[in-house]
Amino acid sequence: MEKQTWAFIDSGNCTPAFNMALDEALLNWHSNGEIPPVVRFYGWNPATLSIGYFQRAEKEINLEEVKRQGLGFIRRPTGGRAVLHEHELTYSVIVNEEYPDMPKNVTEAYRVISEGILMGFRNLGLDAYFAVPSTEKEKAALKEPRSSVCFDAPSWYELVVEGRKVAGSAQTRQKGVILQHGSILLDMDDEKLFNLFNFPNERVKERMMKSFKNKAVAINDIHTRKISLDEAKIAFHKGFASGLNCNLEPLILTKDQENEVYNLVKNKYESDEWNFMR
């Protein structure tokens, strides 16, 4: 397939509501044919706990602890489990379902989009690969994940280095467009993360934490040297360009587009109706 031109935007650190609003706005503009497919990089200010669209906030999350730690809190429009966005590069990919060679099947489309992340890890010198659940037990765990924590829950075409998950992603499809976004962990504080969830007792929490350490890992836990955010951005920018076979051209929002994003921030993503709907 001939190389296509995609848009690229690095938003830097933004509020949780702005981050989700911009992803939604990009999806809308792409659906309307106003912009090409998009790769976006972003960060979070403050550090934020995001939960999946279907998660029950008050049942699963220790909201007092989220507040005590001064963290942001947001519900994503995508499924999946909760993620603490702190020491990471967050990405989103927005692309039409009818894009050339884009599989109709959700898991296969996830693999195609995630090729860019795979190449990014390899650009950093890490031997990343896709792991596919093979046993019936692993496949059953996909349907009913026992953990509220994203990096503790299995998924199809999981990105793995040295047997442990290194990136967590979630997807939604609306208006004929795929939105996939996710976290590429540079560093991770397990204890801080697990303090944000409700557990029946301390023993269950300790057991889950121990299990988690065997399943998930951050780049700087396995790399031979410290990888900075800037270095990660360069590696994954190249990774998406080669993995998606596209040229990435910078996208600058117009004033009208910015206003549209801020309307979504105010009317949707900052509201309790959205964040505590379940």
C-alpha atoms as a PDB file:
ATOM      1  CA  MET A   1       0.000   0.000   0.000  1.00  0.00           C
ATOM      2  CA  GLU A   2       1.200   3.500  -0.870  1.00  0.00           C
ATOM      3  CA  LYS A   3       2.299   5.637   2.095  1.00  0.00           C
ATOM      4  CA  GLN A   4      -0.534   7.799   3.409  1.00  0.00           C
ATOM      5  CA  THR A   5      -0.131  11.102   5.263  1.00  0.00           C
ATOM      6  CA  TRP A   6      -1.479  11.126   8.819  1.00  0.00           C
ATOM      7  CA  ALA A   7      -1.723  14.021  11.266  1.00  0.00           C
ATOM      8  CA  PHE A   8       0.468  14.110  14.378  1.00  0.00           C
ATOM      9  CA  ILE A   9      -0.159  16.133  17.514  1.00  0.00           C
ATOM     10  CA  ASP A  10       1.870  16.250  20.724  1.00  0.00           C
ATOM     11  CA  SER A  11      -0.360  17.979  23.264  1.00  0.00           C
ATOM     12  CA  GLY A  12       2.113  17.841  26.151  1.00  0.00           C
ATOM     13  CA  ASN A  13       0.716  17.629  29.683  1.00  0.00           C
ATOM     14  CA  CYS A  14      -2.993  18.488  29.860  1.00  0.00           C
ATOM     15  CA  THR A  15      -5.835  18.087  32.335  1.00  0.00           C
ATOM     16  CA  PRO A  16      -7.637  14.723  32.360  1.00  0.00           C
ATOM     17  CA  ALA A  17     -10.836  16.261  30.982  1.00  0.00           C
ATOM     18  CA  PHE A  18      -8.961  18.000  28.151  1.00  0.00           C
ATOM     19  CA  ASN A  19      -7.156  14.774  27.237  1.00  0.00           C
ATOM     20  CA  MET A  20     -10.377  12.806  26.806  1.00  0.00           C
ATOM     21  CA  ALA A  21     -12.162  15.725  25.117  1.00  0.00           C
ATOM     22  CA  LEU A  22      -9.410  16.140  22.521  1.00  0.00           C
ATOM     23  CA  ASP A  23      -9.424  12.412  21.715  1.00  0.00           C
ATOM     24  CA  GLU A  24     -13.199  12.587  21.187  1.00  0.00           C
ATOM     25  CA  ALA A  25     -12.961  15.780  19.104  1.00  0.00           C
ATOM     26  CA  LEU A  26     -10.267  14.236  16.872  1.00  0.00           C
ATOM     27  CA  LEU A  27     -12.550  11.239  16.344  1.00  0.00           C
ATOM     28  CA  ASN A  28     -15.443  13.558  15.364  1.00  0.00           C
ATOM     29  CA  TRP A  29     -13.326  15.637  12.958  1.00  0.00           C
ATOM     30  CA  HIS A  30     -11.884  12.530  11.311  1.00  0.00           C
ATOM     31  CA  SER A  31     -15.376  11.020  10.989  1.00  0.00           C
ATOM     32  CA  ASN A  32     -16.541  14.228   9.258  1.00  0.00           C
ATOM     33  CA  GLY A  33     -13.575  14.106   6.861  1.00  0.00           C
ATOM     34  CA  GLU A  34     -12.081  17.353   8.253  1.00  0.00           C
ATOM     35  CA  ILE A  35      -8.727  15.808   9.204  1.00  0.00           C
ATOM     36  CA  PRO A  36      -6.741  12.710   8.150  1.00  0.00           C
ATOM     37  CA  PRO A  37      -6.062   9.805  10.556  1.00  0.00           C
ATOM     38  CA  VAL A  38      -4.193  10.962  13.663  1.00  0.00           C
ATOM     39  CA  VAL A  39      -1.434   9.814  15.992  1.00  0.00           C
ATOM     40  CA  ARG A  40      -1.396  11.831  19.213  1.00  0.00           C
ATOM     41  CA  PHE A  41       1.048  11.898  22.151  1.00  0.00           C
ATOM     42  CA  TYR A  42       0.123  13.407  25.500  1.00  0.00           C
ATOM     43  CA  GLY A  43       0.767  13.550  29.230  1.00  0.00           C
ATOM     44  CA  TRP A  44      -1.263  14.362  32.358  1.00  0.00           C
ATOM     45  CA  ASN A  45      -1.387  17.309  34.760  1.00  0.00           C
ATOM     46  CA  PRO A  46      -2.058  16.336  37.471  1.00  0.00           C
ATOM     47  CA  ALA A  47      -1.138  12.638  37.382  1.00  0.00           C
ATOM     48  CA  THR A  48      -4.490  10.905  36.880  1.00  0.00           C
ATOM     49  CA  LEU A  49      -6.350   7.679  37.487  1.00  0.00           C
ATOM     50  CA  SER A  50      -8.488   6.895  34.444  1.00  0.00           C
ATOM     51  CA  ILE A  51     -11.140   4.180  34.512  1.00  0.00           C
ATOM     52  CA  GLY A  52     -12.725   2.242  31.666  1.00  0.00           C
ATOM     53  CA  TYR A  53     -16.153   3.257  30.360  1.00  0.00           C
ATOM     54  CA  PHE A  54     -17.884   0.268  32.001  1.00  0.00           C
ATOM     55  CA  GLN A  55     -16.143   0.333  35.389  1.00  0.00           C
ATOM     56  CA  ARG A  56     -18.044   1.168  38.571  1.00  0.00           C
ATOM     57  CA  ALA A  57     -16.183   4.066  40.121  1.00  0.00           C
ATOM     58  CA  GLU A  58     -17.331   3.951  43.738  1.00  0.00           C
ATOM     59  CA  LYS A  59     -17.309   0.177  44.020  1.00  0.00           C
ATOM     60  CA  GLU A  60     -13.871  -0.432  42.532  1.00  0.00           C
ATOM     61  CA  ILE A  61     -11.907   2.754  43.294  1.00  0.00           C
ATOM     62  CA  ASN A  62     -10.752   4.193  46.632  1.00  0.00           C
ATOM     63  CA  LEU A  63     -11.852   7.728  45.752  1.00  0.00           C
ATOM     64  CA  GLU A  64     -10.698   9.132  49.115  1.00  0.00           C
ATOM     65  CA  GLU A  65      -7.156   7.953  48.381  1.00  0.00           C
ATOM     66  CA  VAL A  66      -7.283   9.394  44.840  1.00  0.00           C
ATOM     67  CA  LYS A  67      -8.207  12.743  46.385  1.00  0.00           C
ATOM     68  CA  ARG A  68      -5.628  12.439  49.196  1.00  0.00           C
ATOM     69  CA  GLN A  69      -2.836  11.867  46.676  1.00  0.00           C
ATOM     70  CA  GLY A  70      -3.923  14.925  44.660  1.00  0.00           C
ATOM     71  CA  LEU A  71      -4.615  12.844  41.552  1.00  0.00           C
ATOM     72  CA  GLY A  72      -6.994  13.632  38.730  1.00  0.00           C
ATOM     73  CA  PHE A  73      -9.849  11.224  38.038  1.00  0.00           C
ATOM     74  CA  ILE A  74     -11.563  10.598  34.689  1.00  0.00           C
ATOM     75  CA  ARG A  75     -13.759   8.047  32.948  1.00  0.00           C
ATOM     76  CA  ARG A  76     -12.515   7.145  29.473  1.00  0.00           C
ATOM     77  CA  PRO A  77     -14.834   6.659  26.478  1.00  0.00           C
ATOM     78  CA  THR A  78     -13.004   3.348  25.887  1.00  0.00           C
ATOM     79  CA  GLY A  79     -13.376   0.072  27.765  1.00  0.00           C
ATOM     80  CA  GLY A  80     -10.681  -1.706  29.717  1.00  0.00           C
ATOM     81  CA  ARG A  81      -9.532  -1.295  33.308  1.00  0.00           C
ATOM     82  CA  ALA A  82      -8.104   1.509  35.449  1.00  0.00           C
ATOM     83  CA  VAL A  83      -4.724   3.099  34.686  1.00  0.00           C
ATOM     84  CA  LEU A  84      -2.560   5.458  36.758  1.00  0.00           C
ATOM     85  CA  HIS A  85      -1.142   7.951  34.264  1.00  0.00           C
ATOM     86  CA  GLU A  86       2.036   9.334  35.751  1.00  0.00           C
ATOM     87  CA  HIS A  87       5.467   8.280  34.453  1.00  0.00           C
ATOM     88  CA  GLU A  88       4.436   7.377  30.925  1.00  0.00           C
ATOM     89  CA  LEU A  89       3.945   8.361  27.318  1.00  0.00           C
ATOM     90  CA  THR A  90       0.240   8.247  26.475  1.00  0.00           C
ATOM     91  CA  TYR A  91      -0.748   7.811  22.847  1.00  0.00           C
ATOM     92  CA  SER A  92      -3.935   7.757  20.818  1.00  0.00           C
ATOM     93  CA  VAL A  93      -4.605   6.613  17.269  1.00  0.00           C
ATOM     94  CA  ILE A  94      -7.725   7.774  15.428  1.00  0.00           C
ATOM     95  CA  VAL A  95      -8.445   6.081  12.100  1.00  0.00           C
ATOM     96  CA  ASN A  96     -11.468   5.263   9.921  1.00  0.00           C
ATOM     97  CA  GLU A  97     -12.734   1.678  10.082  1.00  0.00           C
ATOM     98  CA  GLU A  98     -12.612   1.668   6.261  1.00  0.00           C
ATOM     99  CA  TYR A  99      -8.933   2.640   6.119  1.00  0.00           C
ATOM    100  CA  PRO A 100      -7.047   0.485   3.562  1.00  0.00           C
ATOM    101  CA  ASP A 101      -5.968  -2.886   5.031  1.00  0.00           C
ATOM    102  CA  MET A 102      -7.597  -2.113   8.408  1.00  0.00           C
ATOM    103  CA  PRO A 103      -9.175  -5.370   9.630  1.00  0.00           C
ATOM    104  CA  LYS A 104     -12.887  -5.306  10.542  1.00  0.00           C
ATOM    105  CA  ASN A 105     -12.214  -7.621  13.464  1.00  0.00           C
ATOM    106  CA  VAL A 106     -11.554  -5.636  16.670  1.00  0.00           C
ATOM    107  CA  THR A 107      -8.622  -7.728  17.905  1.00  0.00           C
ATOM    108  CA  GLU A 108      -6.959  -7.789  14.483  1.00  0.00           C
ATOM    109  CA  ALA A 109      -7.349  -4.007  14.145  1.00  0.00           C
ATOM    110  CA  TYR A 110      -5.799  -3.690  17.600  1.00  0.00           C
ATOM    111  CA  ARG A 111      -2.803  -5.706  16.374  1.00  0.00           C
ATOM    112  CA  VAL A 112      -2.385  -3.539  13.246  1.00  0.00           C
ATOM    113  CA  ILE A 113      -2.547  -0.249  15.209  1.00  0.00           C
ATOM    114  CA  SER A 114      -0.276  -1.622  17.944  1.00  0.00           C
ATOM    115  CA  GLU A 115       2.392  -2.443  15.354  1.00  0.00           C
ATOM    116  CA  GLY A 116       3.518   1.176  15.810  1.00  0.00           C
ATOM    117  CA  ILE A 117       4.037   0.615  19.541  1.00  0.00           C
ATOM    118  CA  LEU A 118       5.875  -2.633  18.898  1.00  0.00           C
ATOM    119  CA  MET A 119       8.266  -0.826  16.529  1.00  0.00           C
ATOM    120  CA  GLY A 120       8.732   1.940  19.122  1.00  0.00           C
ATOM    121  CA  PHE A 121       9.914  -0.555  21.738  1.00  0.00           C
ATOM    122  CA  ARG A 122      12.271  -2.106  19.210  1.00  0.00           C
ATOM    123  CA  ASN A 123      13.632   1.362  18.385  1.00  0.00           C
ATOM    124  CA  LEU A 124      14.593   1.593  22.062  1.00  0.00           C
ATOM    125  CA  GLY A 125      16.433  -1.715  21.774  1.00  0.00           C
ATOM    126  CA  LEU A 126      13.808  -3.773  23.615  1.00  0.00           C
ATOM    127  CA  ASP A 127      12.754  -7.155  22.240  1.00  0.00           C
ATOM    128  CA  ALA A 128       8.985  -6.608  22.333  1.00  0.00           C
ATOM    129  CA  TYR A 129       6.512  -9.062  20.828  1.00  0.00           C
ATOM    130  CA  PHE A 130       2.774  -9.785  20.735  1.00  0.00           C
ATOM    131  CA  ALA A 131       1.608 -12.503  23.113  1.00  0.00           C
ATOM    132  CA  VAL A 132      -1.702 -14.183  22.285  1.00  0.00           C
ATOM    133  CA  PRO A 133      -3.710 -16.062  24.967  1.00  0.00           C
ATOM    134  CA  SER A 134      -3.321 -19.733  24.081  1.00  0.00           C
ATOM    135  CA  THR A 135      -4.967 -21.796  26.819  1.00  0.00           C
ATOM    136  CA  GLU A 136      -8.717 -21.963  27.495  1.00  0.00           C
ATOM    137  CA  LYS A 137      -8.060 -20.543  30.972  1.00  0.00           C
ATOM    138  CA  GLU A 138      -6.268 -17.498  29.493  1.00  0.00           C
ATOM    139  CA  LYS A 139      -9.085 -16.967  26.978  1.00  0.00           C
ATOM    140  CA  ALA A 140     -11.731 -17.209  29.726  1.00  0.00           C
ATOM    141  CA  ALA A 141      -9.816 -14.576  31.759  1.00  0.00           C
ATOM    142  CA  LEU A 142     -10.282 -12.126  28.874  1.00  0.00           C
ATOM    143  CA  LYS A 143     -14.052 -12.237  29.305  1.00  0.00           C
ATOM    144  CA  GLU A 144     -14.043 -11.754  33.065  1.00  0.00           C
ATOM    145  CA  PRO A 145     -10.884 -10.005  34.298  1.00  0.00           C
ATOM    146  CA  ARG A 146     -10.624 -10.372  38.068  1.00  0.00           C
ATOM    147  CA  SER A 147      -8.635  -7.199  38.555  1.00  0.00           C
ATOM    148  CA  SER A 148      -9.664  -3.545  38.252  1.00  0.00           C
ATOM    149  CA  VAL A 149      -6.078  -2.705  37.248  1.00  0.00           C
ATOM    150  CA  CYS A 150      -5.341  -2.396  33.518  1.00  0.00           C
ATOM    151  CA  PHE A 151      -1.851  -3.881  33.491  1.00  0.00           C
ATOM    152  CA  ASP A 152      -3.083  -6.820  35.578  1.00  0.00           C
ATOM    153  CA  ALA A 153      -5.813  -7.807  33.092  1.00  0.00           C
ATOM    154  CA  PRO A 154      -4.972  -9.960  30.056  1.00  0.00           C
ATOM    155  CA  SER A 155      -5.821  -8.916  26.500  1.00  0.00           C
ATOM    156  CA  TRP A 156      -5.430 -10.133  22.936  1.00  0.00           C
ATOM    157  CA  TYR A 157      -2.133  -9.229  21.257  1.00  0.00           C
ATOM    158  CA  GLU A 158      -0.593  -8.073  24.486  1.00  0.00           C
ATOM    159  CA  LEU A 159       2.715  -6.230  24.051  1.00  0.00           C
ATOM    160  CA  VAL A 160       5.286  -8.073  26.082  1.00  0.00           C
ATOM    161  CA  VAL A 161       8.997  -7.755  26.913  1.00  0.00           C
ATOM    162  CA  GLU A 162      10.688 -10.559  28.856  1.00  0.00           C
ATOM    163  CA  GLY A 163       7.281 -12.137  29.458  1.00  0.00           C
ATOM    164  CA  ARG A 164       5.726  -9.059  31.082  1.00  0.00           C
ATOM    165  CA  LYS A 165       3.211  -6.534  29.765  1.00  0.00           C
ATOM    166  CA  VAL A 166       4.797  -3.192  28.778  1.00  0.00           C
ATOM    167  CA  ALA A 167       1.845  -1.295  27.272  1.00  0.00           C
ATOM    168  CA  GLY A 168      -1.872  -1.190  28.015  1.00  0.00           C
ATOM    169  CA  SER A 169      -4.404  -0.038  25.420  1.00  0.00           C
ATOM    170  CA  ALA A 170      -8.157   0.316  25.031  1.00  0.00           C
ATOM    171  CA  GLN A 171     -10.377   0.870  22.024  1.00  0.00           C
ATOM    172  CA  THR A 172     -13.784   2.220  21.058  1.00  0.00           C
ATOM    173  CA  ARG A 173     -15.539   2.534  17.700  1.00  0.00           C
ATOM    174  CA  GLN A 174     -17.900   5.424  17.054  1.00  0.00           C
ATOM    175  CA  LYS A 175     -19.185   7.106  13.892  1.00  0.00           C
ATOM    176  CA  GLY A 176     -17.234   4.675  11.703  1.00  0.00           C
ATOM    177  CA  VAL A 177     -13.935   5.574  13.408  1.00  0.00           C
ATOM    178  CA  ILE A 178     -11.585   3.581  15.654  1.00  0.00           C
ATOM    179  CA  LEU A 179     -10.129   5.379  18.675  1.00  0.00           C
ATOM    180  CA  GLN A 180      -7.364   3.414  20.383  1.00  0.00           C
ATOM    181  CA  HIS A 181      -5.406   4.978  23.200  1.00  0.00           C
ATOM    182  CA  GLY A 182      -3.028   3.615  25.769  1.00  0.00           C
ATOM    183  CA  SER A 183      -0.096   3.904  28.138  1.00  0.00           C
ATOM    184  CA  ILE A 184       3.558   3.207  27.500  1.00  0.00           C
ATOM    185  CA  LEU A 185       5.101   2.996  30.977  1.00  0.00           C
ATOM    186  CA  LEU A 186       8.489   4.575  31.619  1.00  0.00           C
ATOM    187  CA  ASP A 187       8.404   4.036  35.393  1.00  0.00           C
ATOM    188  CA  MET A 188       5.856   2.545  37.768  1.00  0.00           C
ATOM    189  CA  ASP A 189       5.033   2.799  41.480  1.00  0.00           C
ATOM    190  CA  ASP A 190       3.139  -0.431  42.276  1.00  0.00           C
ATOM    191  CA  GLU A 191       2.301   0.526  45.835  1.00  0.00           C
ATOM    192  CA  LYS A 192       0.896   3.915  44.904  1.00  0.00           C
ATOM    193  CA  LEU A 193      -1.208   2.277  42.199  1.00  0.00           C
ATOM    194  CA  PHE A 194      -2.668  -0.444  44.411  1.00  0.00           C
ATOM    195  CA  ASN A 195      -3.576   2.015  47.174  1.00  0.00           C
ATOM    196  CA  LEU A 196      -6.115   3.494  44.732  1.00  0.00           C
ATOM    197  CA  PHE A 197      -8.330   0.388  44.618  1.00  0.00           C
ATOM    198  CA  ASN A 198     -10.819  -1.192  46.969  1.00  0.00           C
ATOM    199  CA  PHE A 199      -9.944  -4.701  48.151  1.00  0.00           C
ATOM    200  CA  PRO A 200     -11.864  -6.993  50.538  1.00  0.00           C
ATOM    201  CA  ASN A 201      -8.825  -7.078  52.852  1.00  0.00           C
ATOM    202  CA  GLU A 202      -5.052  -6.483  53.017  1.00  0.00           C
ATOM    203  CA  ARG A 203      -4.242 -10.106  52.226  1.00  0.00           C
ATOM    204  CA  VAL A 204      -6.065  -9.961  48.900  1.00  0.00           C
ATOM    205  CA  LYS A 205      -4.325  -6.658  48.099  1.00  0.00           C
ATOM    206  CA  GLU A 206      -0.872  -8.132  48.847  1.00  0.00           C
ATOM    207  CA  ARG A 207      -1.612 -11.199  46.736  1.00  0.00           C
ATOM    208  CA  MET A 208      -2.801  -9.069  43.803  1.00  0.00           C
ATOM    209  CA  MET A 209       0.282  -6.831  44.052  1.00  0.00           C
ATOM    210  CA  LYS A 210       2.601  -9.816  44.025  1.00  0.00           C
ATOM    211  CA  SER A 211       0.832 -11.256  40.996  1.00  0.00           C
ATOM    212  CA  PHE A 212       0.915  -7.859  39.249  1.00  0.00           C
ATOM    213  CA  LYS A 213       4.716  -7.589  39.563  1.00  0.00           C
ATOM    214  CA  ASN A 214       5.024 -10.823  37.593  1.00  0.00           C
ATOM    215  CA  LYS A 215       2.732  -9.549  34.829  1.00  0.00           C
ATOM    216  CA  ALA A 216       3.634  -5.896  34.225  1.00  0.00           C
ATOM    217  CA  VAL A 217       6.857  -3.928  33.865  1.00  0.00           C
ATOM    218  CA  ALA A 218       7.987  -0.397  32.954  1.00  0.00           C
ATOM    219  CA  ILE A 219      10.650   0.445  30.368  1.00  0.00           C
ATOM    220  CA  ASN A 220      13.143   1.737  32.936  1.00  0.00           C
ATOM    221  CA  ASP A 221      12.831  -1.453  35.013  1.00  0.00           C
ATOM    222  CA  ILE A 222      14.203  -3.547  32.160  1.00  0.00           C
ATOM    223  CA  HIS A 223      16.362  -1.203  30.087  1.00  0.00           C
ATOM    224  CA  THR A 224      20.112  -1.064  30.612  1.00  0.00           C
ATOM    225  CA  ARG A 225      19.950   2.743  30.894  1.00  0.00           C
ATOM    226  CA  LYS A 226      17.434   5.430  31.826  1.00  0.00           C
ATOM    227  CA  ILE A 227      15.070   6.290  28.967  1.00  0.00           C
ATOM    228  CA  SER A 228      13.735   9.867  29.097  1.00  0.00           C
ATOM    229  CA  LEU A 229      10.295  10.935  27.925  1.00  0.00           C
ATOM    230  CA  ASP A 230      11.863  12.848  25.018  1.00  0.00           C
ATOM    231  CA  GLU A 231      13.809   9.799  23.863  1.00  0.00           C
ATOM    232  CA  ALA A 232      10.658   7.669  24.122  1.00  0.00           C
ATOM    233  CA  LYS A 233       8.728  10.197  22.013  1.00  0.00           C
ATOM    234  CA  ILE A 234      11.323  10.040  19.227  1.00  0.00           C
ATOM    235  CA  ALA A 235      11.361   6.221  19.278  1.00  0.00           C
ATOM    236  CA  PHE A 236       7.574   5.860  19.207  1.00  0.00           C
ATOM    237  CA  HIS A 237       7.058   8.633  16.642  1.00  0.00           C
ATOM    238  CA  LYS A 238       9.349   6.657  14.302  1.00  0.00           C
ATOM    239  CA  GLY A 239       7.627   3.449  15.407  1.00  0.00           C
ATOM    240  CA  PHE A 240       4.144   4.646  14.442  1.00  0.00           C
ATOM    241  CA  ALA A 241       5.388   6.049  11.119  1.00  0.00           C
ATOM    242  CA  SER A 242       6.956   2.708  10.159  1.00  0.00           C
ATOM    243  CA  GLY A 243       4.378   0.435  11.856  1.00  0.00           C
ATOM    244  CA  LEU A 244       1.437   2.210  10.184  1.00  0.00           C
ATOM    245  CA  ASN A 245       3.378   2.892   6.951  1.00  0.00           C
ATOM    246  CA  CYS A 246       2.585   6.610   6.987  1.00  0.00           C
ATOM    247  CA  ASN A 247       4.137  10.068   6.984  1.00  0.00           C
ATOM    248  CA  LEU A 248       3.286  12.046  10.124  1.00  0.00           C
ATOM    249  CA  GLU A 249       2.578  15.751   9.534  1.00  0.00           C
ATOM    250  CA  PRO A 250       2.074  18.132  12.503  1.00  0.00           C
ATOM    251  CA  LEU A 251      -1.528  19.160  13.187  1.00  0.00           C
ATOM    252  CA  ILE A 252      -2.210  22.618  14.652  1.00  0.00           C
ATOM    253  CA  LEU A 253      -5.720  23.205  15.979  1.00  0.00           C
ATOM    254  CA  THR A 254      -7.725  26.198  14.776  1.00  0.00           C
ATOM    255  CA  LYS A 255      -9.423  28.502  17.281  1.00  0.00           C
ATOM    256  CA  ASP A 256     -12.800  26.942  16.428  1.00  0.00           C
ATOM    257  CA  GLN A 257     -11.416  23.457  17.013  1.00  0.00           C
ATOM    258  CA  GLU A 258      -9.972  24.506  20.386  1.00  0.00           C
ATOM    259  CA  ASN A 259     -13.366  25.932  21.380  1.00  0.00           C
ATOM    260  CA  GLU A 260     -15.022  22.658  20.423  1.00  0.00           C
ATOM    261  CA  VAL A 261     -12.613  20.762  22.673  1.00  0.00           C
ATOM    262  CA  TYR A 262     -13.256  23.133  25.602  1.00  0.00           C
ATOM    263  CA  ASN A 263     -17.014  22.702  25.164  1.00  0.00           C
ATOM    264  CA  LEU A 264     -16.570  18.936  25.526  1.00  0.00           C
ATOM    265  CA  VAL A 265     -14.356  19.519  28.585  1.00  0.00           C
ATOM    266  CA  LYS A 266     -16.976  21.667  30.297  1.00  0.00           C
ATOM    267  CA  ASN A 267     -20.157  19.892  29.260  1.00  0.00           C
ATOM    268  CA  LYS A 268     -19.001  16.287  29.442  1.00  0.00           C
ATOM    269  CA  TYR A 269     -15.641  15.282  30.842  1.00  0.00           C
ATOM    270  CA  GLU A 270     -15.585  17.590  33.887  1.00  0.00           C
ATOM    271  CA  SER A 271     -19.088  16.521  34.911  1.00  0.00           C
ATOM    272  CA  ASP A 272     -19.958  14.074  37.689  1.00  0.00           C
ATOM    273  CA  GLU A 273     -22.715  12.734  35.417  1.00  0.00           C
ATOM    274  CA  TRP A 274     -19.985  11.373  33.128  1.00  0.00           C
ATOM    275  CA  ASN A 275     -17.312  10.367  35.632  1.00  0.00           C
ATOM    276  CA  PHE A 276     -19.657   8.745  38.160  1.00  0.00           C
ATOM    277  CA  MET A 277     -22.296   7.370  35.807  1.00  0.00           C
ATOM    278  CA  ARG A 278     -21.681   3.904  37.274  1.00  0.00           C
END
